């Protein structure tokens, strides 16, 4: 009987084991997403019937993208807060939100990096003749400023809640669980970022115009985004990069964002060039140019951390459980290089 209880319960931490926490999170995410999406589907059906549009067209429209972003953020924050309070038994700040002055500095770097990488993608494609600029400040069937504002709000929400879910909750829990009795924190962190990034890629597999290549590249993008988290222990860099990468990709430069077009575009373009390089209708993440941007972004993240913090270190406290009412556990970080 005791062995059966230990299969589910960690007596040292006085909470459920990692696998069960993640399972509850997955079930909860499905339930919350469904519950929060029902009103959107009902409204969508009514709008499709009134406007004569097909439901599939409406679901891929900018309006539904905006709504899904905000609804996704609300449902994810509520879910993670509940899980943290009653299942994980930890502070919400332990998911990567210790809002120190340094947190905001890192956040600013993330915002700059995401914008700069997507600007580089645009200017390279234009210099090669792969994009043609048709105009500027374009909007689909509506006011540009309105769609621009909705697009900004959407990507603020998406950048926040996807990082909270995949990196803040899943990676943190997985790193703790994989460390376990083996006490190999380096290996636990590496496995955690790889496994959660695979999940991140698969989560985009059913997006419009997705492919095996886009899924693999987004999994690699998950490693790029997660790198800021495993090096600093905070979500500041990943959230910043995620927000501006998507925003500049879709709203500023007019590329598809994971297969979906935005309602407003500062630069209105026609995409050409070889699809293997540009990513075609899915967007840059499905092409070689997006892959190169991901690799460059990973290198620049490591360079920034090295310059700002003096060394490259895996944030090994990610593998240590901090109960809600306990003081933070001091754990010595370990460098990325093997000991000599």
Protein backbone atom coordinates (compact mmCIF):
# COMPACT_ATOMS: atom_id res chain seq x y z
CA UNK A 1 0.00 0.00 0.00
CA UNK A 2 2.80 2.40 0.90
CA UNK A 3 4.57 1.72 -2.41
CA UNK A 4 1.32 2.48 -4.26
CA UNK A 5 0.97 5.77 -2.41
CA UNK A 6 4.57 6.68 -3.24
CA UNK A 7 3.78 6.15 -6.91
CA UNK A 8 1.54 9.22 -6.72
CA UNK A 9 2.85 11.12 -3.70
CA UNK A 10 6.27 12.59 -2.94
CA UNK A 11 6.53 12.40 0.87
CA UNK A 12 9.64 14.58 1.02
CA UNK A 13 7.95 17.43 -0.88
CA UNK A 14 4.43 16.65 0.44
CA UNK A 15 2.82 16.96 -2.98
CA UNK A 16 2.01 14.91 -6.09
CA UNK A 17 4.90 13.67 -8.19
CA UNK A 18 5.95 15.47 -11.34
CA UNK A 19 4.20 13.19 -13.86
CA UNK A 20 0.84 13.59 -12.13
CA UNK A 21 1.24 17.36 -11.80
CA UNK A 22 1.91 17.64 -15.52
CA UNK A 23 -0.99 15.33 -16.33
CA UNK A 24 -3.34 17.46 -14.24
CA UNK A 25 -1.98 20.54 -16.01
CA UNK A 26 -2.68 19.02 -19.43
CA UNK A 27 -6.21 17.98 -18.49
CA UNK A 28 -6.84 21.34 -16.84
CA UNK A 29 -5.52 23.21 -19.86
CA UNK A 30 -7.85 21.25 -22.15
CA UNK A 31 -10.81 21.86 -19.84
CA UNK A 32 -10.09 25.56 -19.36
CA UNK A 33 -9.42 26.12 -23.07
CA UNK A 34 -12.68 24.42 -23.97
CA UNK A 35 -14.70 26.28 -21.35
CA UNK A 36 -13.26 29.68 -22.29
CA UNK A 37 -13.58 28.98 -26.04
CA UNK A 38 -17.26 27.96 -26.04
CA UNK A 39 -18.49 31.59 -26.08
CA UNK A 40 -16.08 32.35 -28.95
CA UNK A 41 -17.39 29.42 -30.98
CA UNK A 42 -21.01 30.45 -30.39
CA UNK A 43 -20.27 34.04 -31.42
CA UNK A 44 -18.32 32.73 -34.42
CA UNK A 45 -21.23 30.59 -35.57
CA UNK A 46 -23.61 33.53 -35.27
CA UNK A 47 -21.22 35.82 -37.18
CA UNK A 48 -20.66 33.21 -39.88
CA UNK A 49 -24.40 32.75 -40.30
CA UNK A 50 -25.05 36.49 -40.41
CA UNK A 51 -22.18 37.33 -42.72
CA UNK A 52 -22.35 34.32 -44.99
CA UNK A 53 -18.72 33.41 -44.33
CA UNK A 54 -17.58 29.85 -43.82
CA UNK A 55 -16.75 28.80 -40.28
CA UNK A 56 -13.25 27.75 -41.35
CA UNK A 57 -12.58 31.22 -42.75
CA UNK A 58 -13.84 32.83 -39.58
CA UNK A 59 -11.71 30.63 -37.31
CA UNK A 60 -8.55 31.70 -39.18
CA UNK A 61 -9.59 35.36 -39.32
CA UNK A 62 -7.68 38.08 -37.44
CA UNK A 63 -10.72 38.65 -35.21
CA UNK A 64 -10.63 35.10 -33.87
CA UNK A 65 -6.85 35.27 -33.52
CA UNK A 66 -7.21 38.37 -31.35
CA UNK A 67 -9.91 36.79 -29.23
CA UNK A 68 -8.05 33.49 -28.80
CA UNK A 69 -4.92 35.32 -27.66
CA UNK A 70 -6.68 37.22 -24.90
CA UNK A 71 -8.81 34.25 -23.84
CA UNK A 72 -5.73 32.00 -23.83
CA UNK A 73 -3.92 34.40 -21.52
CA UNK A 74 -6.82 34.66 -19.07
CA UNK A 75 -7.41 30.91 -18.91
CA UNK A 76 -3.69 30.05 -18.60
CA UNK A 77 -3.01 32.55 -15.82
CA UNK A 78 -6.02 31.30 -13.87
CA UNK A 79 -5.02 27.66 -14.40
CA UNK A 80 -1.37 28.13 -13.39
CA UNK A 81 -2.36 30.18 -10.34
CA UNK A 82 -4.71 27.39 -9.22
CA UNK A 83 -2.12 24.70 -9.90
CA UNK A 84 0.57 26.64 -8.11
CA UNK A 85 -1.63 27.24 -5.10
CA UNK A 86 -3.16 23.79 -4.64
CA UNK A 87 -1.09 21.23 -6.62
CA UNK A 88 2.45 22.61 -6.90
CA UNK A 89 2.20 24.43 -3.57
CA UNK A 90 4.55 27.23 -4.60
CA UNK A 91 4.46 30.98 -5.12
CA UNK A 92 3.39 32.28 -8.53
CA UNK A 93 6.63 34.27 -8.67
CA UNK A 94 8.58 30.98 -8.66
CA UNK A 95 7.42 30.39 -12.25
CA UNK A 96 9.80 33.14 -13.42
CA UNK A 97 8.22 36.40 -12.25
CA UNK A 98 10.48 37.91 -9.60
CA UNK A 99 9.99 41.46 -10.84
CA UNK A 100 13.32 42.93 -9.75
CA UNK A 101 14.88 45.87 -11.63
CA UNK A 102 17.13 43.34 -13.37
CA UNK A 103 14.06 41.43 -14.55
CA UNK A 104 12.92 44.47 -16.51
CA UNK A 105 16.39 44.99 -17.99
CA UNK A 106 16.33 41.42 -19.30
CA UNK A 107 12.78 41.93 -20.56
CA UNK A 108 13.93 44.99 -22.51
CA UNK A 109 16.73 42.97 -24.09
CA UNK A 110 14.23 40.29 -25.09
CA UNK A 111 11.95 42.87 -26.71
CA UNK A 112 14.89 44.31 -28.66
CA UNK A 113 16.19 40.90 -29.74
CA UNK A 114 12.86 39.64 -31.08
CA UNK A 115 12.30 42.84 -33.06
CA UNK A 116 15.87 42.93 -34.42
CA UNK A 117 15.80 39.31 -35.58
CA UNK A 118 12.55 39.74 -37.48
CA UNK A 119 13.76 43.02 -38.99
CA UNK A 120 16.85 41.16 -40.19
CA UNK A 121 14.66 38.46 -41.77
CA UNK A 122 12.65 41.12 -43.60
CA UNK A 123 15.62 43.09 -44.92
CA UNK A 124 17.45 39.94 -46.06
CA UNK A 125 14.38 38.69 -47.92
CA UNK A 126 13.82 42.09 -49.51
CA UNK A 127 17.44 42.44 -50.58
CA UNK A 128 17.16 39.02 -52.25
CA UNK A 129 13.94 40.01 -54.03
CA UNK A 130 11.82 37.50 -52.11
CA UNK A 131 9.32 40.08 -50.85
CA UNK A 132 7.67 42.90 -52.73
CA UNK A 133 6.39 45.88 -50.77
CA UNK A 134 2.91 46.80 -52.04
CA UNK A 135 2.18 49.59 -49.61
CA UNK A 136 2.04 50.54 -45.95
CA UNK A 137 -0.42 50.80 -43.09
CA UNK A 138 -2.80 48.28 -44.64
CA UNK A 139 -5.85 46.85 -42.88
CA UNK A 140 -8.30 44.14 -43.90
CA UNK A 141 -11.84 45.47 -43.85
CA UNK A 142 -11.41 47.87 -40.98
CA UNK A 143 -9.58 50.67 -39.26
CA UNK A 144 -5.78 50.25 -39.25
CA UNK A 145 -5.26 51.65 -35.75
CA UNK A 146 -7.97 49.38 -34.35
CA UNK A 147 -6.41 46.24 -35.88
CA UNK A 148 -2.93 47.42 -34.92
CA UNK A 149 -3.99 47.80 -31.30
CA UNK A 150 -5.71 44.42 -31.27
CA UNK A 151 -2.62 42.84 -32.82
CA UNK A 152 -0.37 44.35 -30.15
CA UNK A 153 -2.69 43.20 -27.37
CA UNK A 154 -2.85 39.71 -28.90
CA UNK A 155 0.89 39.20 -29.05
CA UNK A 156 1.42 40.65 -25.59
CA UNK A 157 -1.03 38.01 -24.37
CA UNK A 158 0.37 35.14 -26.46
CA UNK A 159 3.98 35.87 -25.53
CA UNK A 160 3.06 35.97 -21.86
CA UNK A 161 0.84 32.91 -21.59
CA UNK A 162 2.80 30.55 -23.87
CA UNK A 163 5.99 31.24 -21.94
CA UNK A 164 4.18 30.86 -18.63
CA UNK A 165 2.76 27.51 -19.74
CA UNK A 166 5.64 25.86 -21.62
CA UNK A 167 8.65 27.31 -19.85
CA UNK A 168 7.42 28.65 -16.50
CA UNK A 169 5.18 25.74 -15.55
CA UNK A 170 6.16 22.71 -17.61
CA UNK A 171 9.94 23.19 -17.79
CA UNK A 172 10.15 24.09 -14.08
CA UNK A 173 8.16 21.04 -12.99
CA UNK A 174 9.98 18.73 -15.38
CA UNK A 175 13.42 19.93 -14.23
CA UNK A 176 12.47 19.24 -10.60
CA UNK A 177 11.06 15.82 -11.36
CA UNK A 178 13.89 14.68 -13.62
CA UNK A 179 16.46 15.72 -11.03
CA UNK A 180 14.74 13.50 -8.45
CA UNK A 181 16.94 11.12 -6.47
CA UNK A 182 19.67 11.05 -9.11
CA UNK A 183 20.73 14.60 -8.27
CA UNK A 184 21.95 15.37 -11.77
CA UNK A 185 20.66 18.92 -12.15
CA UNK A 186 22.52 19.69 -15.39
CA UNK A 187 21.02 16.69 -17.14
CA UNK A 188 17.59 17.44 -15.69
CA UNK A 189 17.59 21.00 -17.06
CA UNK A 190 18.81 19.91 -20.51
CA UNK A 191 16.21 17.14 -20.78
CA UNK A 192 13.49 19.47 -19.54
CA UNK A 193 14.16 22.14 -22.17
CA UNK A 194 14.35 19.54 -24.96
CA UNK A 195 11.13 17.74 -23.96
CA UNK A 196 9.11 20.92 -23.41
CA UNK A 197 10.35 22.31 -26.73
CA UNK A 198 9.15 19.18 -28.52
CA UNK A 199 5.75 19.78 -26.94
CA UNK A 200 5.91 23.44 -28.03
CA UNK A 201 6.51 22.36 -31.63
CA UNK A 202 3.71 19.78 -31.57
CA UNK A 203 1.31 22.37 -30.16
CA UNK A 204 1.67 24.28 -33.48
CA UNK A 205 1.36 21.21 -35.70
CA UNK A 206 -2.33 21.78 -36.46
CA UNK A 207 -1.96 25.45 -37.33
CA UNK A 208 -2.93 26.46 -40.88
CA UNK A 209 -0.24 25.55 -43.46
CA UNK A 210 1.85 23.71 -40.85
CA UNK A 211 4.27 20.98 -41.89
CA UNK A 212 6.84 18.64 -40.40
CA UNK A 213 9.52 21.26 -41.13
CA UNK A 214 7.59 24.05 -39.39
CA UNK A 215 7.00 21.79 -36.38
CA UNK A 216 10.70 20.93 -36.11
CA UNK A 217 11.72 24.57 -36.46
CA UNK A 218 9.24 25.71 -33.82
CA UNK A 219 10.60 23.02 -31.50
CA UNK A 220 14.03 24.57 -32.03
CA UNK A 221 12.47 27.99 -31.41
CA UNK A 222 11.29 26.55 -28.09
CA UNK A 223 14.89 25.82 -27.16
CA UNK A 224 15.86 29.37 -28.21
CA UNK A 225 13.08 30.86 -26.08
CA UNK A 226 13.77 28.55 -23.17
CA UNK A 227 17.47 29.41 -23.18
CA UNK A 228 16.85 32.73 -21.46
CA UNK A 229 14.91 30.89 -18.76
CA UNK A 230 17.44 28.14 -18.05
CA UNK A 231 20.29 30.68 -17.91
CA UNK A 232 18.60 33.26 -15.65
CA UNK A 233 15.75 31.42 -13.93
CA UNK A 234 13.34 34.15 -15.04
CA UNK A 235 10.88 34.47 -17.95
CA UNK A 236 11.87 38.05 -18.75
CA UNK A 237 13.97 37.31 -21.86
CA UNK A 238 11.68 34.60 -23.28
CA UNK A 239 8.53 36.72 -22.90
CA UNK A 240 10.20 39.76 -24.44
CA UNK A 241 11.53 37.82 -27.44
CA UNK A 242 8.23 36.00 -27.97
CA UNK A 243 6.19 39.22 -27.98
CA UNK A 244 8.24 41.21 -30.47
CA UNK A 245 9.17 38.24 -32.69
CA UNK A 246 5.46 37.62 -33.36
CA UNK A 247 4.42 41.27 -33.39
CA UNK A 248 7.09 42.42 -35.83
CA UNK A 249 6.61 39.31 -37.92
CA UNK A 250 2.88 39.75 -38.43
CA UNK A 251 1.84 43.32 -37.67
CA UNK A 252 4.96 45.25 -38.68
CA UNK A 253 6.40 43.31 -41.63
CA UNK A 254 3.30 41.48 -42.86
CA UNK A 255 4.54 37.89 -42.72
CA UNK A 256 2.20 35.06 -41.69
CA UNK A 257 2.50 34.20 -38.00
CA UNK A 258 2.42 30.41 -37.60
CA UNK A 259 0.17 30.16 -40.66
CA UNK A 260 -2.15 33.08 -39.85
CA UNK A 261 -2.31 36.58 -41.34
CA UNK A 262 -2.93 39.64 -39.21
CA UNK A 263 -5.63 42.23 -39.87
CA UNK A 264 -3.16 45.13 -39.90
CA UNK A 265 0.29 45.40 -41.44
CA UNK A 266 2.63 48.37 -41.24
CA UNK A 267 4.44 47.01 -44.31
CA UNK A 268 2.10 45.31 -46.79
CA UNK A 269 4.05 42.69 -48.73
CA UNK A 270 3.70 39.99 -51.36
CA UNK A 271 5.73 36.92 -50.45
CA UNK A 272 7.82 35.30 -53.15
CA UNK A 273 11.09 33.42 -53.26
CA UNK A 274 11.81 29.75 -52.60
CA UNK A 275 9.39 28.35 -50.02
CA UNK A 276 12.12 26.20 -48.45
CA UNK A 277 13.86 29.42 -47.46
CA UNK A 278 10.93 31.78 -46.76
CA UNK A 279 8.53 29.32 -45.13
CA UNK A 280 5.77 30.30 -47.56
CA UNK A 281 2.23 30.54 -46.17
CA UNK A 282 3.24 29.42 -42.69
CA UNK A 283 5.79 32.18 -42.16
CA UNK A 284 9.56 32.42 -41.64
CA UNK A 285 9.65 29.71 -38.94
CA UNK A 286 8.94 27.10 -41.63
CA UNK A 287 11.97 28.11 -43.73
CA UNK A 288 15.74 28.10 -43.55
CA UNK A 289 15.83 31.86 -42.99
CA UNK A 290 13.74 31.47 -39.85
CA UNK A 291 15.99 28.66 -38.68
CA UNK A 292 19.05 30.87 -39.15
CA UNK A 293 17.35 33.64 -37.15
CA UNK A 294 16.61 31.16 -34.35
CA UNK A 295 20.25 30.03 -34.25
CA UNK A 296 21.50 33.63 -34.30
CA UNK A 297 19.07 34.55 -31.54
CA UNK A 298 20.33 31.67 -29.40
CA UNK A 299 23.92 32.85 -29.79
CA UNK A 300 23.01 36.46 -29.00
CA UNK A 301 21.08 35.36 -25.90
CA UNK A 302 24.14 33.50 -24.61
CA UNK A 303 26.37 36.48 -25.41
CA UNK A 304 24.05 38.85 -23.55
CA UNK A 305 23.91 36.62 -20.47
CA UNK A 306 27.69 36.21 -20.54
CA UNK A 307 28.23 39.98 -20.69
CA UNK A 308 25.54 40.88 -18.17
CA UNK A 309 26.13 38.18 -15.56
CA UNK A 310 29.82 37.50 -16.09
CA UNK A 311 29.50 33.83 -17.07
CA UNK A 312 27.21 31.29 -18.74
CA UNK A 313 25.56 29.20 -16.06
CA UNK A 314 22.63 26.87 -16.05
CA UNK A 315 20.25 28.10 -13.37
CA UNK A 316 20.26 24.94 -11.29
CA UNK A 317 17.74 26.20 -8.71
CA UNK A 318 15.18 25.33 -11.40
CA UNK A 319 15.65 21.73 -10.30
CA UNK A 320 14.96 22.47 -6.62
CA UNK A 321 11.45 22.65 -5.17
CA UNK A 322 10.76 25.79 -3.13
CA UNK A 323 7.61 25.35 -0.99
CA UNK A 324 5.31 28.33 -0.90
CA UNK A 325 6.11 29.30 2.68
CA UNK A 326 9.78 28.39 2.66
CA UNK A 327 12.64 30.72 2.04
CA UNK A 328 14.31 30.35 -1.40
CA UNK A 329 16.85 27.54 -1.48
CA UNK A 330 20.37 28.68 -2.29
CA UNK A 331 21.85 26.39 -4.92
CA UNK A 332 25.15 27.03 -6.57
CA UNK A 333 24.88 27.37 -10.35
CA UNK A 334 27.03 25.32 -12.69
CA UNK A 335 28.81 26.57 -15.80
CA UNK A 336 27.94 25.28 -19.23
CA UNK A 337 31.46 24.00 -19.69
CA UNK A 338 32.55 20.67 -18.26
CA UNK A 339 34.81 20.94 -15.18
CA UNK A 340 38.47 20.74 -16.02
